[in-house]
């Protein structure tokens, strides 16, 4: 259950950062070199994201990895 909460928090953070930059899921996916369905799964808390994909997302969103992981302890 805790794992699911952490995935949900991470997904919400990704969505918040994406929307703050005015990006669609498809645009973020393109920038991060990931599939748009994968981005949707992350934002819904359905995906346990690998470290390399987190790095890609952080770079695409123009934030540090620590900012991307904000709120997850």
PDB file of N, CA and C in Angstrom:
ATOM      1  N   UNK A   1       0.821  -1.203   0.000  1.00  0.00           N
ATOM      2  CA  UNK A   1       0.000   0.000   0.000  1.00  0.00           C
ATOM      3  C   UNK A   1       0.859   1.260   0.000  1.00  0.00           C
ATOM      4  N   UNK A   2       1.931   1.270   0.803  1.00  0.00           N
ATOM      5  CA  UNK A   2       2.816   2.436   0.855  1.00  0.00           C
ATOM      6  C   UNK A   2       3.442   2.680  -0.513  1.00  0.00           C
ATOM      7  N   UNK A   3       3.832   1.598  -1.188  1.00  0.00           N
ATOM      8  CA  UNK A   3       4.421   1.720  -2.524  1.00  0.00           C
ATOM      9  C   UNK A   3       3.462   2.453  -3.457  1.00  0.00           C
ATOM     10  N   UNK A   4       2.183   2.082  -3.420  1.00  0.00           N
ATOM     11  CA  UNK A   4       1.190   2.715  -4.286  1.00  0.00           C
ATOM     12  C   UNK A   4       1.050   4.203  -3.987  1.00  0.00           C
ATOM     13  N   UNK A   5       1.119   4.572  -2.719  1.00  0.00           N
ATOM     14  CA  UNK A   5       1.018   5.975  -2.339  1.00  0.00           C
ATOM     15  C   UNK A   5       2.202   6.751  -2.892  1.00  0.00           C
ATOM     16  N   UNK A   6       3.382   6.172  -2.786  1.00  0.00           N
ATOM     17  CA  UNK A   6       4.584   6.841  -3.294  1.00  0.00           C
ATOM     18  C   UNK A   6       4.524   7.014  -4.808  1.00  0.00           C
ATOM     19  N   UNK A   7       4.015   6.006  -5.505  1.00  0.00           N
ATOM     20  CA  UNK A   7       3.866   6.108  -6.961  1.00  0.00           C
ATOM     21  C   UNK A   7       2.857   7.195  -7.316  1.00  0.00           C
ATOM     22  N   UNK A   8       1.793   7.283  -6.535  1.00  0.00           N
ATOM     23  CA  UNK A   8       0.763   8.304  -6.762  1.00  0.00           C
ATOM     24  C   UNK A   8       1.338   9.704  -6.537  1.00  0.00           C
ATOM     25  N   UNK A   9       2.111   9.877  -5.464  1.00  0.00           N
ATOM     26  CA  UNK A   9       2.734  11.171  -5.176  1.00  0.00           C
ATOM     27  C   UNK A   9       3.698  11.558  -6.296  1.00  0.00           C
ATOM     28  N   UNK A  10       4.502  10.597  -6.755  1.00  0.00           N
ATOM     29  CA  UNK A  10       5.437  10.863  -7.848  1.00  0.00           C
ATOM     30  C   UNK A  10       4.683  11.272  -9.101  1.00  0.00           C
ATOM     31  N   UNK A  11       3.621  10.549  -9.417  1.00  0.00           N
ATOM     32  CA  UNK A  11       2.821  10.864 -10.599  1.00  0.00           C
ATOM     33  C   UNK A  11       2.205  12.247 -10.525  1.00  0.00           C
ATOM     34  N   UNK A  12       1.733  12.613  -9.355  1.00  0.00           N
ATOM     35  CA  UNK A  12       1.160  13.949  -9.171  1.00  0.00           C
ATOM     36  C   UNK A  12       2.219  15.033  -9.355  1.00  0.00           C
ATOM     37  N   UNK A  13       3.423  14.752  -8.900  1.00  0.00           N
ATOM     38  CA  UNK A  13       4.523  15.707  -9.062  1.00  0.00           C
ATOM     39  C   UNK A  13       4.865  15.877 -10.545  1.00  0.00           C
ATOM     40  N   UNK A  14       4.933  14.782 -11.267  1.00  0.00           N
ATOM     41  CA  UNK A  14       5.212  14.848 -12.703  1.00  0.00           C
ATOM     42  C   UNK A  14       4.120  15.655 -13.403  1.00  0.00           C
ATOM     43  N   UNK A  15       2.863  15.377 -13.098  1.00  0.00           N
ATOM     44  CA  UNK A  15       1.745  16.096 -13.714  1.00  0.00           C
ATOM     45  C   UNK A  15       1.819  17.600 -13.389  1.00  0.00           C
ATOM     46  N   UNK A  16       2.081  17.924 -12.134  1.00  0.00           N
ATOM     47  CA  UNK A  16       2.167  19.327 -11.714  1.00  0.00           C
ATOM     48  C   UNK A  16       3.263  20.063 -12.488  1.00  0.00           C
ATOM     49  N   UNK A  17       4.437  19.450 -12.569  1.00  0.00           N
ATOM     50  CA  UNK A  17       5.554  20.076 -13.284  1.00  0.00           C
ATOM     51  C   UNK A  17       5.270  20.186 -14.777  1.00  0.00           C
ATOM     52  N   UNK A  18       4.660  19.147 -15.342  1.00  0.00           N
ATOM     53  CA  UNK A  18       4.335  19.163 -16.773  1.00  0.00           C
ATOM     54  C   UNK A  18       3.358  20.286 -17.089  1.00  0.00           C
ATOM     55  N   UNK A  19       2.302  20.378 -16.297  1.00  0.00           N
ATOM     56  CA  UNK A  19       1.300  21.408 -16.545  1.00  0.00           C
ATOM     57  C   UNK A  19       1.856  22.814 -16.320  1.00  0.00           C
ATOM     58  N   UNK A  20       2.735  22.956 -15.335  1.00  0.00           N
ATOM     59  CA  UNK A  20       3.340  24.257 -15.066  1.00  0.00           C
ATOM     60  C   UNK A  20       4.176  24.739 -16.253  1.00  0.00           C
ATOM     61  N   UNK A  21       4.641  23.802 -17.044  1.00  0.00           N
ATOM     62  CA  UNK A  21       5.445  24.148 -18.222  1.00  0.00           C
ATOM     63  C   UNK A  21       4.601  24.189 -19.491  1.00  0.00           C
ATOM     64  N   UNK A  22       3.308  23.953 -19.348  1.00  0.00           N
ATOM     65  CA  UNK A  22       2.405  24.019 -20.490  1.00  0.00           C
ATOM     66  C   UNK A  22       2.599  22.895 -21.491  1.00  0.00           C
ATOM     67  N   UNK A  23       3.027  21.743 -21.008  1.00  0.00           N
ATOM     68  CA  UNK A  23       3.285  20.604 -21.889  1.00  0.00           C
ATOM     69  C   UNK A  23       2.140  19.609 -21.838  1.00  0.00           C
ATOM     70  N   UNK A  24       1.852  19.002 -22.958  1.00  0.00           N
ATOM     71  CA  UNK A  24       0.917  17.877 -22.991  1.00  0.00           C
ATOM     72  C   UNK A  24       1.704  16.619 -22.616  1.00  0.00           C
ATOM     73  N   UNK A  25       0.994  15.552 -22.328  1.00  0.00           N
ATOM     74  CA  UNK A  25       1.678  14.284 -22.052  1.00  0.00           C
ATOM     75  C   UNK A  25       2.506  13.858 -23.259  1.00  0.00           C
ATOM     76  N   UNK A  26       1.964  14.068 -24.432  1.00  0.00           N
ATOM     77  CA  UNK A  26       2.672  13.693 -25.654  1.00  0.00           C
ATOM     78  C   UNK A  26       3.958  14.504 -25.829  1.00  0.00           C
ATOM     79  N   UNK A  27       3.883  15.797 -25.550  1.00  0.00           N
ATOM     80  CA  UNK A  27       5.071  16.650 -25.675  1.00  0.00           C
ATOM     81  C   UNK A  27       6.140  16.244 -24.665  1.00  0.00           C
ATOM     82  N   UNK A  28       5.728  15.969 -23.430  1.00  0.00           N
ATOM     83  CA  UNK A  28       6.693  15.524 -22.423  1.00  0.00           C
ATOM     84  C   UNK A  28       7.310  14.197 -22.836  1.00  0.00           C
ATOM     85  N   UNK A  29       6.490  13.298 -23.330  1.00  0.00           N
ATOM     86  CA  UNK A  29       6.997  11.996 -23.773  1.00  0.00           C
ATOM     87  C   UNK A  29       8.050  12.165 -24.858  1.00  0.00           C
ATOM     88  N   UNK A  30       7.798  13.048 -25.789  1.00  0.00           N
ATOM     89  CA  UNK A  30       8.741  13.310 -26.866  1.00  0.00           C
ATOM     90  C   UNK A  30      10.066  13.854 -26.321  1.00  0.00           C
ATOM     91  N   UNK A  31       9.968  14.836 -25.424  1.00  0.00           N
ATOM     92  CA  UNK A  31      11.172  15.436 -24.839  1.00  0.00           C
ATOM     93  C   UNK A  31      11.986  14.424 -24.026  1.00  0.00           C
ATOM     94  N   UNK A  32      11.278  13.526 -23.336  1.00  0.00           N
ATOM     95  CA  UNK A  32      11.940  12.537 -22.485  1.00  0.00           C
ATOM     96  C   UNK A  32      12.274  11.249 -23.221  1.00  0.00           C
ATOM     97  N   UNK A  33      11.899  11.175 -24.489  1.00  0.00           N
ATOM     98  CA  UNK A  33      12.115   9.978 -25.305  1.00  0.00           C
ATOM     99  C   UNK A  33      11.445   8.759 -24.678  1.00  0.00           C
ATOM    100  N   UNK A  34      10.196   8.966 -24.247  1.00  0.00           N
ATOM    101  CA  UNK A  34       9.378   7.900 -23.670  1.00  0.00           C
ATOM    102  C   UNK A  34       8.046   7.868 -24.414  1.00  0.00           C
ATOM    103  N   UNK A  35       7.294   6.800 -24.258  1.00  0.00           N
ATOM    104  CA  UNK A  35       5.992   6.691 -24.918  1.00  0.00           C
ATOM    105  C   UNK A  35       4.955   7.487 -24.145  1.00  0.00           C
ATOM    106  N   UNK A  36       4.026   8.112 -24.850  1.00  0.00           N
ATOM    107  CA  UNK A  36       3.008   8.943 -24.195  1.00  0.00           C
ATOM    108  C   UNK A  36       2.129   8.132 -23.254  1.00  0.00           C
ATOM    109  N   UNK A  37       1.868   6.865 -23.577  1.00  0.00           N
ATOM    110  CA  UNK A  37       1.082   6.014 -22.678  1.00  0.00           C
ATOM    111  C   UNK A  37       1.823   5.752 -21.368  1.00  0.00           C
ATOM    112  N   UNK A  38       3.136   5.692 -21.460  1.00  0.00           N
ATOM    113  CA  UNK A  38       3.976   5.501 -20.272  1.00  0.00           C
ATOM    114  C   UNK A  38       3.865   6.718 -19.360  1.00  0.00           C
ATOM    115  N   UNK A  39       3.858   7.920 -19.935  1.00  0.00           N
ATOM    116  CA  UNK A  39       3.701   9.154 -19.153  1.00  0.00           C
ATOM    117  C   UNK A  39       2.353   9.143 -18.441  1.00  0.00           C
ATOM    118  N   UNK A  40       1.307   8.754 -19.134  1.00  0.00           N
ATOM    119  CA  UNK A  40      -0.014   8.667 -18.522  1.00  0.00           C
ATOM    120  C   UNK A  40      -0.030   7.691 -17.349  1.00  0.00           C
ATOM    121  N   UNK A  41       0.627   6.557 -17.520  1.00  0.00           N
ATOM    122  CA  UNK A  41       0.712   5.565 -16.448  1.00  0.00           C
ATOM    123  C   UNK A  41       1.465   6.089 -15.236  1.00  0.00           C
ATOM    124  N   UNK A  42       2.509   6.857 -15.492  1.00  0.00           N
ATOM    125  CA  UNK A  42       3.264   7.475 -14.393  1.00  0.00           C
ATOM    126  C   UNK A  42       2.359   8.439 -13.640  1.00  0.00           C
ATOM    127  N   UNK A  43       1.681   9.298 -14.363  1.00  0.00           N
ATOM    128  CA  UNK A  43       0.849  10.318 -13.735  1.00  0.00           C
ATOM    129  C   UNK A  43      -0.324   9.714 -12.957  1.00  0.00           C
ATOM    130  N   UNK A  44      -0.774   8.547 -13.348  1.00  0.00           N
ATOM    131  CA  UNK A  44      -1.860   7.875 -12.625  1.00  0.00           C
ATOM    132  C   UNK A  44      -1.346   7.019 -11.475  1.00  0.00           C
ATOM    133  N   UNK A  45      -0.027   6.951 -11.311  1.00  0.00           N
ATOM    134  CA  UNK A  45       0.559   6.155 -10.240  1.00  0.00           C
ATOM    135  C   UNK A  45       0.565   4.672 -10.523  1.00  0.00           C
ATOM    136  N   UNK A  46       0.532   4.309 -11.800  1.00  0.00           N
ATOM    137  CA  UNK A  46       0.486   2.902 -12.204  1.00  0.00           C
ATOM    138  C   UNK A  46       1.860   2.341 -12.553  1.00  0.00           C
ATOM    139  N   UNK A  47       2.837   3.197 -12.719  1.00  0.00           N
ATOM    140  CA  UNK A  47       4.169   2.764 -13.165  1.00  0.00           C
ATOM    141  C   UNK A  47       5.199   2.963 -12.075  1.00  0.00           C
ATOM    142  N   UNK A  48       6.021   1.950 -11.876  1.00  0.00           N
ATOM    143  CA  UNK A  48       7.173   2.056 -10.994  1.00  0.00           C
ATOM    144  C   UNK A  48       8.345   2.439 -11.899  1.00  0.00           C
ATOM    145  N   UNK A  49       8.686   3.701 -11.911  1.00  0.00           N
ATOM    146  CA  UNK A  49       9.602   4.278 -12.896  1.00  0.00           C
ATOM    147  C   UNK A  49      11.059   3.943 -12.568  1.00  0.00           C
ATOM    148  N   UNK A  50      11.786   3.474 -13.570  1.00  0.00           N
ATOM    149  CA  UNK A  50      13.204   3.171 -13.416  1.00  0.00           C
ATOM    150  C   UNK A  50      14.009   4.467 -13.287  1.00  0.00           C
ATOM    151  N   UNK A  51      15.132   4.381 -12.630  1.00  0.00           N
ATOM    152  CA  UNK A  51      15.990   5.547 -12.384  1.00  0.00           C
ATOM    153  C   UNK A  51      16.342   6.282 -13.668  1.00  0.00           C
ATOM    154  N   UNK A  52      16.725   5.575 -14.706  1.00  0.00           N
ATOM    155  CA  UNK A  52      17.106   6.241 -15.947  1.00  0.00           C
ATOM    156  C   UNK A  52      15.936   7.016 -16.554  1.00  0.00           C
ATOM    157  N   UNK A  53      14.733   6.498 -16.401  1.00  0.00           N
ATOM    158  CA  UNK A  53      13.558   7.222 -16.898  1.00  0.00           C
ATOM    159  C   UNK A  53      13.256   8.437 -16.030  1.00  0.00           C
ATOM    160  N   UNK A  54      13.529   8.342 -14.724  1.00  0.00           N
ATOM    161  CA  UNK A  54      13.375   9.516 -13.857  1.00  0.00           C
ATOM    162  C   UNK A  54      14.336  10.616 -14.281  1.00  0.00           C
ATOM    163  N   UNK A  55      15.544  10.229 -14.610  1.00  0.00           N
ATOM    164  CA  UNK A  55      16.545  11.201 -15.069  1.00  0.00           C
ATOM    165  C   UNK A  55      16.075  11.846 -16.366  1.00  0.00           C
ATOM    166  N   UNK A  56      15.544  11.054 -17.282  1.00  0.00           N
ATOM    167  CA  UNK A  56      15.010  11.593 -18.540  1.00  0.00           C
ATOM    168  C   UNK A  56      13.877  12.582 -18.290  1.00  0.00           C
ATOM    169  N   UNK A  57      12.973  12.218 -17.378  1.00  0.00           N
ATOM    170  CA  UNK A  57      11.850  13.101 -17.056  1.00  0.00           C
ATOM    171  C   UNK A  57      12.330  14.410 -16.438  1.00  0.00           C
ATOM    172  N   UNK A  58      13.263  14.313 -15.500  1.00  0.00           N
ATOM    173  CA  UNK A  58      13.786  15.515 -14.856  1.00  0.00           C
ATOM    174  C   UNK A  58      14.421  16.440 -15.889  1.00  0.00           C
ATOM    175  N   UNK A  59      15.216  15.870 -16.779  1.00  0.00           N
ATOM    176  CA  UNK A  59      15.864  16.666 -17.822  1.00  0.00           C
ATOM    177  C   UNK A  59      14.819  17.312 -18.737  1.00  0.00           C
ATOM    178  N   UNK A  60      13.822  16.542 -19.145  1.00  0.00           N
ATOM    179  CA  UNK A  60      12.786  17.059 -20.044  1.00  0.00           C
ATOM    180  C   UNK A  60      11.971  18.167 -19.387  1.00  0.00           C
ATOM    181  N   UNK A  61      11.786  18.078 -18.068  1.00  0.00           N
ATOM    182  CA  UNK A  61      11.022  19.086 -17.336  1.00  0.00           C
ATOM    183  C   UNK A  61      11.896  20.256 -16.873  1.00  0.00           C
ATOM    184  N   UNK A  62      13.207  20.123 -17.037  1.00  0.00           N
ATOM    185  CA  UNK A  62      14.123  21.196 -16.642  1.00  0.00           C
ATOM    186  C   UNK A  62      14.247  21.352 -15.135  1.00  0.00           C
ATOM    187  N   UNK A  63      14.170  20.217 -14.410  1.00  0.00           N
ATOM    188  CA  UNK A  63      14.297  20.242 -12.959  1.00  0.00           C
ATOM    189  C   UNK A  63      15.364  19.242 -12.520  1.00  0.00           C
ATOM    190  N   UNK A  64      15.794  19.377 -11.274  1.00  0.00           N
ATOM    191  CA  UNK A  64      16.735  18.400 -10.728  1.00  0.00           C
ATOM    192  C   UNK A  64      15.971  17.132 -10.362  1.00  0.00           C
ATOM    193  N   UNK A  65      16.700  16.058 -10.236  1.00  0.00           N
ATOM    194  CA  UNK A  65      16.087  14.804  -9.829  1.00  0.00           C
ATOM    195  C   UNK A  65      15.471  14.946  -8.440  1.00  0.00           C
ATOM    196  N   UNK A  66      16.126  15.693  -7.551  1.00  0.00           N
ATOM    197  CA  UNK A  66      15.579  15.868  -6.212  1.00  0.00           C
ATOM    198  C   UNK A  66      14.265  16.647  -6.249  1.00  0.00           C
ATOM    199  N   UNK A  67      14.135  17.628  -7.145  1.00  0.00           N
ATOM    200  CA  UNK A  67      12.874  18.360  -7.265  1.00  0.00           C
ATOM    201  C   UNK A  67      11.775  17.445  -7.809  1.00  0.00           C
ATOM    202  N   UNK A  68      12.136  16.589  -8.733  1.00  0.00           N
ATOM    203  CA  UNK A  68      11.163  15.663  -9.287  1.00  0.00           C
ATOM    204  C   UNK A  68      10.649  14.702  -8.214  1.00  0.00           C
ATOM    205  N   UNK A  69      11.521  14.343  -7.287  1.00  0.00           N
ATOM    206  CA  UNK A  69      11.171  13.387  -6.226  1.00  0.00           C
ATOM    207  C   UNK A  69      10.634  14.059  -4.970  1.00  0.00           C
ATOM    208  N   UNK A  70      10.403  15.356  -5.029  1.00  0.00           N
ATOM    209  CA  UNK A  70       9.917  16.098  -3.880  1.00  0.00           C
ATOM    210  C   UNK A  70       8.627  15.503  -3.316  1.00  0.00           C
ATOM    211  N   UNK A  71       8.584  15.344  -2.004  1.00  0.00           N
ATOM    212  CA  UNK A  71       7.392  14.815  -1.340  1.00  0.00           C
ATOM    213  C   UNK A  71       7.418  13.328  -1.113  1.00  0.00           C
ATOM    214  N   UNK A  72       8.424  12.641  -1.658  1.00  0.00           N
ATOM    215  CA  UNK A  72       8.538  11.192  -1.479  1.00  0.00           C
ATOM    216  C   UNK A  72       9.667  10.933  -0.492  1.00  0.00           C
ATOM    217  N   UNK A  73       9.333  10.272   0.573  1.00  0.00           N
ATOM    218  CA  UNK A  73      10.357   9.956   1.594  1.00  0.00           C
ATOM    219  C   UNK A  73      10.362   8.499   1.900  1.00  0.00           C
TER     220      UNK A  73
END
